[in-house]
C-alpha atoms as a PDB file:
ATOM      1  CA  MET A   1     -44.273  13.543  -5.879  1.00  0.00           C
ATOM      2  CA  SER A   2     -45.939  14.472  -9.153  1.00  0.00           C
ATOM      3  CA  SER A   3     -44.838  13.019 -12.450  1.00  0.00           C
ATOM      4  CA  GLN A   4     -43.396  16.380 -13.540  1.00  0.00           C
ATOM      5  CA  GLU A   5     -41.292  16.662 -10.387  1.00  0.00           C
ATOM      6  CA  LEU A   6     -40.134  13.074 -10.770  1.00  0.00           C
ATOM      7  CA  HIS A   7     -39.230  13.702 -14.416  1.00  0.00           C
ATOM      8  CA  ALA A   8     -37.164  16.754 -13.443  1.00  0.00           C
ATOM      9  CA  LYS A   9     -35.357  14.745 -10.755  1.00  0.00           C
ATOM     10  CA  ILE A  10     -34.702  11.930 -13.242  1.00  0.00           C
ATOM     11  CA  LEU A  11     -33.123  14.346 -15.725  1.00  0.00           C
ATOM     12  CA  ALA A  12     -30.930  15.917 -13.039  1.00  0.00           C
ATOM     13  CA  THR A  13     -29.869  12.491 -11.749  1.00  0.00           C
ATOM     14  CA  LYS A  14     -29.094  11.274 -15.262  1.00  0.00           C
ATOM     15  CA  SER A  15     -26.932  14.329 -15.875  1.00  0.00           C
ATOM     16  CA  PHE A  16     -25.062  13.763 -12.603  1.00  0.00           C
ATOM     17  CA  LEU A  17     -24.486  10.086 -13.375  1.00  0.00           C
ATOM     18  CA  ASN A  18     -23.126  10.948 -16.824  1.00  0.00           C
ATOM     19  CA  ARG A  19     -20.660  13.387 -15.236  1.00  0.00           C
ATOM     20  CA  GLU A  20     -19.611  10.691 -12.762  1.00  0.00           C
ATOM     21  CA  LEU A  21     -19.099   8.260 -15.634  1.00  0.00           C
ATOM     22  CA  VAL A  22     -16.741  10.738 -17.330  1.00  0.00           C
ATOM     23  CA  ARG A  23     -14.851  11.240 -14.056  1.00  0.00           C
ATOM     24  CA  ASN A  24     -14.392   7.484 -13.741  1.00  0.00           C
ATOM     25  CA  ARG A  25     -13.213   7.125 -17.322  1.00  0.00           C
ATOM     26  CA  ASN A  26     -10.699   9.936 -16.860  1.00  0.00           C
ATOM     27  CA  GLN A  27      -9.643   8.367 -13.566  1.00  0.00           C
ATOM     28  CA  GLU A  28     -10.082  11.633 -11.703  1.00  0.00           C
ATOM     29  CA  ASP A  29     -10.217  11.726  -7.936  1.00  0.00           C
ATOM     30  CA  GLY A  30     -13.467  12.777  -6.333  1.00  0.00           C
ATOM     31  CA  SER A  31     -15.672  10.277  -8.096  1.00  0.00           C
ATOM     32  CA  VAL A  32     -18.494   9.227  -5.780  1.00  0.00           C
ATOM     33  CA  LEU A  33     -19.606   6.045  -7.554  1.00  0.00           C
ATOM     34  CA  ASN A  34     -17.927   3.199  -9.396  1.00  0.00           C
ATOM     35  CA  PHE A  35     -18.943   1.884 -12.834  1.00  0.00           C
ATOM     36  CA  ARG A  36     -21.225  -0.842 -11.464  1.00  0.00           C
ATOM     37  CA  GLU A  37     -23.168   1.552  -9.208  1.00  0.00           C
ATOM     38  CA  ILE A  38     -23.571   4.031 -12.062  1.00  0.00           C
ATOM     39  CA  GLY A  39     -24.732   1.256 -14.394  1.00  0.00           C
ATOM     40  CA  ILE A  40     -27.373  -0.009 -11.985  1.00  0.00           C
ATOM     41  CA  ARG A  41     -28.796   3.457 -11.464  1.00  0.00           C
ATOM     42  CA  MET A  42     -28.723   4.293 -15.166  1.00  0.00           C
ATOM     43  CA  ASP A  43     -30.578   1.045 -15.938  1.00  0.00           C
ATOM     44  CA  MET A  44     -33.354   2.088 -13.557  1.00  0.00           C
ATOM     45  CA  ILE A  45     -33.573   5.493 -15.209  1.00  0.00           C
ATOM     46  CA  HIS A  46     -33.560   4.072 -18.729  1.00  0.00           C
ATOM     47  CA  GLU A  47     -36.346   1.641 -17.834  1.00  0.00           C
ATOM     48  CA  ALA A  48     -38.428   4.491 -16.402  1.00  0.00           C
ATOM     49  CA  GLU A  49     -37.866   6.526 -19.566  1.00  0.00           C
ATOM     50  CA  ARG A  50     -38.781   3.549 -21.740  1.00  0.00           C
ATOM     51  CA  VAL A  51     -42.063   2.971 -19.931  1.00  0.00           C
ATOM     52  CA  GLY A  52     -42.751   6.665 -19.402  1.00  0.00           C
ATOM     53  CA  VAL A  53     -42.765   8.494 -16.101  1.00  0.00           C
ATOM     54  CA  ARG A  54     -46.548   8.892 -16.145  1.00  0.00           C
ATOM     55  CA  ASN A  55     -47.042   5.176 -16.773  1.00  0.00           C
ATOM     56  CA  LEU A  56     -44.823   3.961 -13.931  1.00  0.00           C
ATOM     57  CA  GLY A  57     -46.447   1.765 -11.358  1.00  0.00           C
ATOM     58  CA  GLU A  58     -46.516   2.787  -7.731  1.00  0.00           C
ATOM     59  CA  THR A  59     -43.751   0.344  -6.805  1.00  0.00           C
ATOM     60  CA  GLN A  60     -41.482   1.432  -9.664  1.00  0.00           C
ATOM     61  CA  SER A  61     -42.061   5.084  -8.843  1.00  0.00           C
ATOM     62  CA  ARG A  62     -41.254   4.488  -5.180  1.00  0.00           C
ATOM     63  CA  LYS A  63     -38.050   2.570  -6.027  1.00  0.00           C
ATOM     64  CA  LEU A  64     -36.926   5.337  -8.366  1.00  0.00           C
ATOM     65  CA  THR A  65     -37.674   8.058  -5.807  1.00  0.00           C
ATOM     66  CA  ARG A  66     -35.798   6.100  -3.136  1.00  0.00           C
ATOM     67  CA  MET A  67     -32.785   5.636  -5.416  1.00  0.00           C
ATOM     68  CA  ILE A  68     -32.680   9.363  -6.193  1.00  0.00           C
ATOM     69  CA  SER A  69     -32.958  10.344  -2.516  1.00  0.00           C
ATOM     70  CA  GLN A  70     -30.199   7.880  -1.540  1.00  0.00           C
ATOM     71  CA  LEU A  71     -27.975   9.319  -4.242  1.00  0.00           C
ATOM     72  CA  GLU A  72     -28.685  12.858  -3.014  1.00  0.00           C
ATOM     73  CA  GLU A  73     -27.738  11.802   0.516  1.00  0.00           C
ATOM     74  CA  GLN A  74     -24.539  10.163  -0.723  1.00  0.00           C
ATOM     75  CA  VAL A  75     -23.549  13.239  -2.743  1.00  0.00           C
ATOM     76  CA  GLY A  76     -24.653  15.642  -0.020  1.00  0.00           C
ATOM     77  CA  THR A  77     -26.571  18.027  -2.276  1.00  0.00           C
ATOM     78  CA  SER A  78     -29.848  18.154  -4.133  1.00  0.00           C
ATOM     79  CA  LEU A  79     -29.474  16.982  -7.707  1.00  0.00           C
ATOM     80  CA  ASN A  80     -32.315  19.136  -8.922  1.00  0.00           C
END
């Protein structure tokens, strides 16, 4: 996956996680993740943004891609 594709997926995932956070705060039904799961995933995204997507190591890039694909499987749709 190129850095541009990964960056697009990161932005879509971040947007989804922010919507989930609002659903949890409003205590709406249909929320897929709890606060802890959202926090862990957001921390990974924030770290990738801090370092820069182009500057990510191979291991970090693979972990981020795996997290995004697992989240897509859990949600059942593509986040991008």
